Protein backbone atom coordinates (compact mmCIF):
# COMPACT_ATOMS: atom_id res chain seq x y z
CA MET A 1 -8.71 -8.93 30.07
CA ASN A 2 -6.21 -6.25 29.06
CA ALA A 3 -6.71 -3.80 26.19
CA LYS A 4 -4.62 -5.79 23.69
CA GLU A 5 -6.52 -9.03 24.36
CA LEU A 6 -9.80 -7.15 24.19
CA ALA A 7 -8.88 -5.61 20.83
CA LYS A 8 -7.96 -9.03 19.41
CA ARG A 9 -11.27 -10.51 20.53
CA LEU A 10 -13.34 -7.60 19.19
CA GLU A 11 -11.37 -6.92 16.00
CA GLY A 12 -13.69 -5.45 13.38
CA MET A 13 -16.55 -2.95 13.27
CA HIS A 14 -18.83 -2.70 16.30
CA THR A 15 -21.55 -0.71 18.01
CA VAL A 16 -22.07 -0.59 21.77
CA GLU A 17 -24.82 -3.18 21.31
CA THR A 18 -22.65 -5.66 19.39
CA ILE A 19 -19.93 -5.38 22.03
CA GLU A 20 -22.52 -6.10 24.73
CA LYS A 21 -23.67 -9.18 22.82
CA GLU A 22 -20.19 -10.41 21.87
CA LEU A 23 -18.88 -10.28 25.44
CA ASP A 24 -22.21 -10.86 27.22
CA ILE A 25 -21.79 -7.73 29.34
CA SER A 26 -23.86 -4.75 30.41
CA ARG A 27 -24.04 -1.50 28.44
CA VAL A 28 -22.08 0.35 31.14
CA THR A 29 -19.27 -2.21 30.98
CA ALA A 30 -19.27 -2.04 27.16
CA ILE A 31 -18.87 1.75 27.30
CA ASN A 32 -16.03 1.37 29.82
CA TYR A 33 -14.31 -1.10 27.50
CA ILE A 34 -14.64 1.35 24.60
CA SER A 35 -12.97 4.00 26.75
CA LEU A 36 -10.17 1.56 27.65
CA LEU A 37 -9.58 0.69 23.99
CA ARG A 38 -9.59 4.35 22.97
CA LYS A 39 -6.96 5.28 25.57
CA ALA A 40 -4.78 2.38 24.42
CA GLY A 41 -5.10 3.40 20.76
CA PHE A 42 -6.98 0.30 19.56
CA ILE A 43 -10.19 1.98 18.44
CA LYS A 44 -11.35 4.51 15.87
CA THR A 45 -14.81 6.09 15.99
CA GLU A 46 -16.82 6.55 12.80
CA ARG A 47 -20.39 7.58 11.96
CA GLY A 48 -22.88 5.22 10.41
CA ALA A 49 -26.48 5.64 9.27
CA LYS A 50 -28.45 8.24 11.23
CA LYS A 51 -25.13 9.33 12.76
CA LYS A 52 -24.92 6.17 14.84
CA ARG A 53 -21.49 5.66 16.39
CA LEU A 54 -19.46 2.82 14.96
CA TYR A 55 -16.24 1.58 16.53
CA LYS A 56 -13.51 0.17 14.32
CA ILE A 57 -11.37 -1.99 16.59
CA SER A 58 -7.92 -3.31 15.67
CA PRO A 59 -5.13 -4.94 17.73
CA ILE A 60 -2.71 -2.64 15.87
CA GLN A 61 -2.31 0.54 17.90
CA THR A 62 -2.85 4.00 16.49
CA LYS A 63 -0.48 6.60 17.89
CA GLY A 64 -1.41 10.23 17.43
CA GLU A 65 -3.10 11.89 14.50
CA GLY A 66 -1.89 13.39 11.29
CA ASN A 67 -0.94 12.31 7.78
CA PRO A 68 -0.50 8.60 6.96
CA GLY A 69 2.94 7.11 7.53
CA LEU A 70 4.88 4.65 5.36
CA TYR A 71 2.98 1.50 6.30
CA GLU A 72 -0.39 3.20 6.00
CA ILE A 73 0.49 4.27 2.47
CA ILE A 74 1.78 0.82 1.47
CA ASN A 75 -1.31 -0.90 2.87
CA LYS A 76 -3.55 1.50 0.96
CA TYR A 77 -2.08 0.70 -2.45
CA SER A 78 -0.53 -2.76 -2.19
CA LYS A 79 -2.03 -6.26 -2.23
CA ILE A 80 0.66 -7.27 0.24
CA LYS A 81 -0.21 -5.79 3.63
CA ILE A 82 2.35 -4.85 6.24
CA GLU A 83 1.60 -5.23 9.94
CA GLU A 84 3.50 -3.05 12.36
CA PRO A 85 3.36 -2.78 16.17
CA TYR A 86 1.45 0.50 15.87
CA LYS A 87 0.35 2.87 13.16
CA THR A 88 2.53 5.91 12.65
CA PHE A 89 1.42 9.29 11.41
CA ILE A 90 3.41 12.17 10.00
CA HIS A 91 2.78 15.51 11.65
CA GLY A 92 3.01 18.61 9.52
CA LYS A 93 4.47 17.70 6.10
CA LYS A 94 2.60 15.04 4.15
CA LEU A 95 4.61 11.96 3.22
CA GLU A 96 4.55 11.91 -0.58
CA ILE A 97 4.51 8.67 -2.57
CA GLU A 98 7.94 9.47 -3.97
CA GLU A 99 9.46 9.65 -0.50
CA ALA A 100 7.48 6.65 0.75
CA ILE A 101 9.31 4.56 -1.88
CA MET A 102 12.66 5.84 -0.62
CA LYS A 103 11.74 5.05 2.97
CA ALA A 104 10.56 1.56 1.99
CA ILE A 105 13.90 0.90 0.27
CA GLY A 106 15.68 2.30 3.31
CA THR A 107 14.17 -0.36 5.56
CA GLY A 108 16.10 -3.06 3.70
CA SER A 109 13.13 -5.31 4.51
CA TYR A 110 12.27 -8.04 2.00
CA ARG A 111 8.53 -7.80 2.65
CA VAL A 112 8.31 -4.00 2.85
CA ILE A 113 10.29 -3.49 -0.37
CA ILE A 114 8.17 -5.98 -2.33
CA ALA A 115 4.93 -4.53 -0.93
CA ALA A 116 6.03 -1.02 -1.96
CA MET A 117 6.31 -1.82 -5.67
CA PRO A 118 2.71 -0.82 -6.54
CA LEU A 119 3.50 2.69 -5.25
CA PHE A 120 5.21 3.39 -8.59
CA ASN A 121 1.74 3.62 -10.13
CA HIS A 122 1.10 6.69 -8.00
CA VAL A 123 4.33 8.64 -8.59
CA LYS A 124 3.41 12.08 -9.95
CA ASP A 125 6.72 13.93 -9.82
CA TRP A 126 9.71 12.12 -11.32
CA ASP A 127 11.98 15.11 -10.70
CA LEU A 128 11.16 14.84 -7.00
CA PHE A 129 11.73 11.08 -7.17
CA SER A 130 15.19 11.67 -8.62
CA ARG A 131 16.09 14.36 -6.07
CA LEU A 132 15.00 12.18 -3.17
CA ALA A 133 16.91 9.17 -4.49
CA LYS A 134 20.03 11.34 -4.55
CA GLU A 135 19.27 12.75 -1.09
CA TYR A 136 18.84 9.25 0.35
CA ARG A 137 21.90 8.07 -1.65
CA ILE A 138 20.00 5.14 -3.13
CA GLU A 139 19.81 6.10 -6.80
CA ASN A 140 20.84 2.57 -7.80
CA LYS A 141 18.30 0.84 -5.55
CA ALA A 142 15.48 3.21 -6.57
CA GLY A 143 16.14 2.51 -10.24
CA ALA A 144 16.45 -1.23 -9.66
CA LEU A 145 13.20 -1.40 -7.73
CA TYR A 146 11.40 0.47 -10.51
CA ASP A 147 12.64 -1.98 -13.16
CA LEU A 148 11.78 -4.89 -10.87
CA ALA A 149 8.24 -3.56 -10.43
CA ARG A 150 7.93 -2.97 -14.17
CA ALA A 151 8.99 -6.57 -14.85
CA THR A 152 6.30 -7.82 -12.47
CA ILE A 153 3.22 -5.59 -12.68
CA ARG A 154 1.89 -2.75 -14.79
CA VAL A 155 3.40 0.49 -13.52
CA ARG A 156 3.52 4.11 -14.63
CA LYS A 157 6.37 4.82 -17.05
CA MET A 158 9.32 6.67 -15.58
CA ASP A 159 10.35 9.93 -17.19
CA PRO A 160 13.30 9.07 -19.54
CA ARG A 161 15.42 11.93 -18.19
CA THR A 162 14.96 10.66 -14.65
CA GLU A 163 15.89 7.12 -15.65
CA LYS A 164 19.01 8.30 -17.50
CA SER A 165 20.11 10.46 -14.58
CA LEU A 166 19.62 7.66 -12.05
CA GLU A 167 21.45 5.16 -14.24
CA GLU A 168 24.44 7.45 -14.74
CA ARG A 169 24.77 8.06 -11.02
CA SER A 170 24.33 4.34 -10.28
CA LYS A 171 27.42 3.46 -12.33
CA LYS A 172 29.55 5.44 -9.88
CA MET A 173 28.10 3.69 -6.82
CA LYS A 174 29.42 0.65 -5.01
CA LYS A 175 27.43 -2.52 -5.70
CA ALA A 176 24.99 -3.08 -2.84
CA PRO A 177 22.21 -5.50 -1.87
CA LEU A 178 18.63 -4.32 -2.26
CA ILE A 179 17.53 -6.59 0.60
CA LYS A 180 19.44 -6.36 3.86
CA GLY A 181 21.50 -9.49 4.50
CA ILE A 182 20.97 -11.05 1.04
CA GLU A 183 24.20 -11.02 -0.96
CA LYS A 184 23.36 -13.68 -3.59
CA GLU A 185 22.20 -12.99 -7.13
CA SER A 186 18.59 -13.66 -8.13
CA ASP A 187 16.47 -14.30 -11.22
CA PHE A 188 16.80 -10.62 -12.12
CA LYS A 189 20.51 -10.54 -12.90
CA SER A 190 20.14 -8.17 -15.86
CA ILE A 191 18.38 -5.58 -13.68
CA GLY A 192 21.03 -6.00 -11.02
CA LYS A 193 23.79 -5.51 -13.57
CA LYS A 194 22.16 -2.40 -15.03
CA TRP A 195 21.78 -0.71 -11.64
CA ASN A 196 24.80 -2.09 -9.82
CA VAL A 197 22.56 -3.79 -7.26
CA ILE A 198 22.25 -7.32 -5.85
CA ILE A 199 18.50 -7.84 -6.23
CA GLY A 200 18.10 -10.86 -3.93
CA ILE A 201 14.47 -11.39 -5.01
CA ASN A 202 13.26 -14.19 -7.28
CA LYS A 203 10.23 -14.30 -9.60
CA LYS A 204 8.31 -16.64 -7.32
CA ASP A 205 8.67 -14.08 -4.50
CA LEU A 206 6.58 -11.61 -6.51
CA GLU A 207 3.62 -13.85 -7.42
CA ARG A 208 1.37 -12.31 -4.78
CA LEU A 209 1.58 -8.93 -6.50
CA LYS A 210 -0.04 -10.47 -9.59
CA GLU A 211 -3.00 -12.06 -7.80
């Protein structure tokens, strides 16, 4: 059994004893398996009651250490979870919510962009949001995604100056699709018209955010 298969079979929280029982193996073999999973990045060690070691096992690899990356941040705040081949971490500078939204838009991914909408509830610096939108050259898409989120769930109100600035810059931009490869209009035509964006997302696509 390779590390990936082992991680899938043991997914969840374990102790050495529960691994022994689950796989019907000796303690020495269980410890060797823990070592194998750790080297492959499928295990995270935590401390339980009386400082007992607990092993959180997942078939999604963890690479390195540092601040949470885009998918970690989305999965923390969104009801829609994103699975990636491995977890990424940012070394040095912390990835702020404002930039995480820009990176989510930059993926052009239908699922990632929808899952990122709840991040607007955690924006603290609208000036930074505006500067990053300009830096990433997605002022129109950033504004459109905000209005789309606002039409779907309760989100923090954008600073009026930021909204005005984004909207003015959006009028000078070429009309572009929010979702990569989707060029057709959606239920949100008024938002698309305001921001010069082809939304490509329908109301039924956003139901999971309301659950």
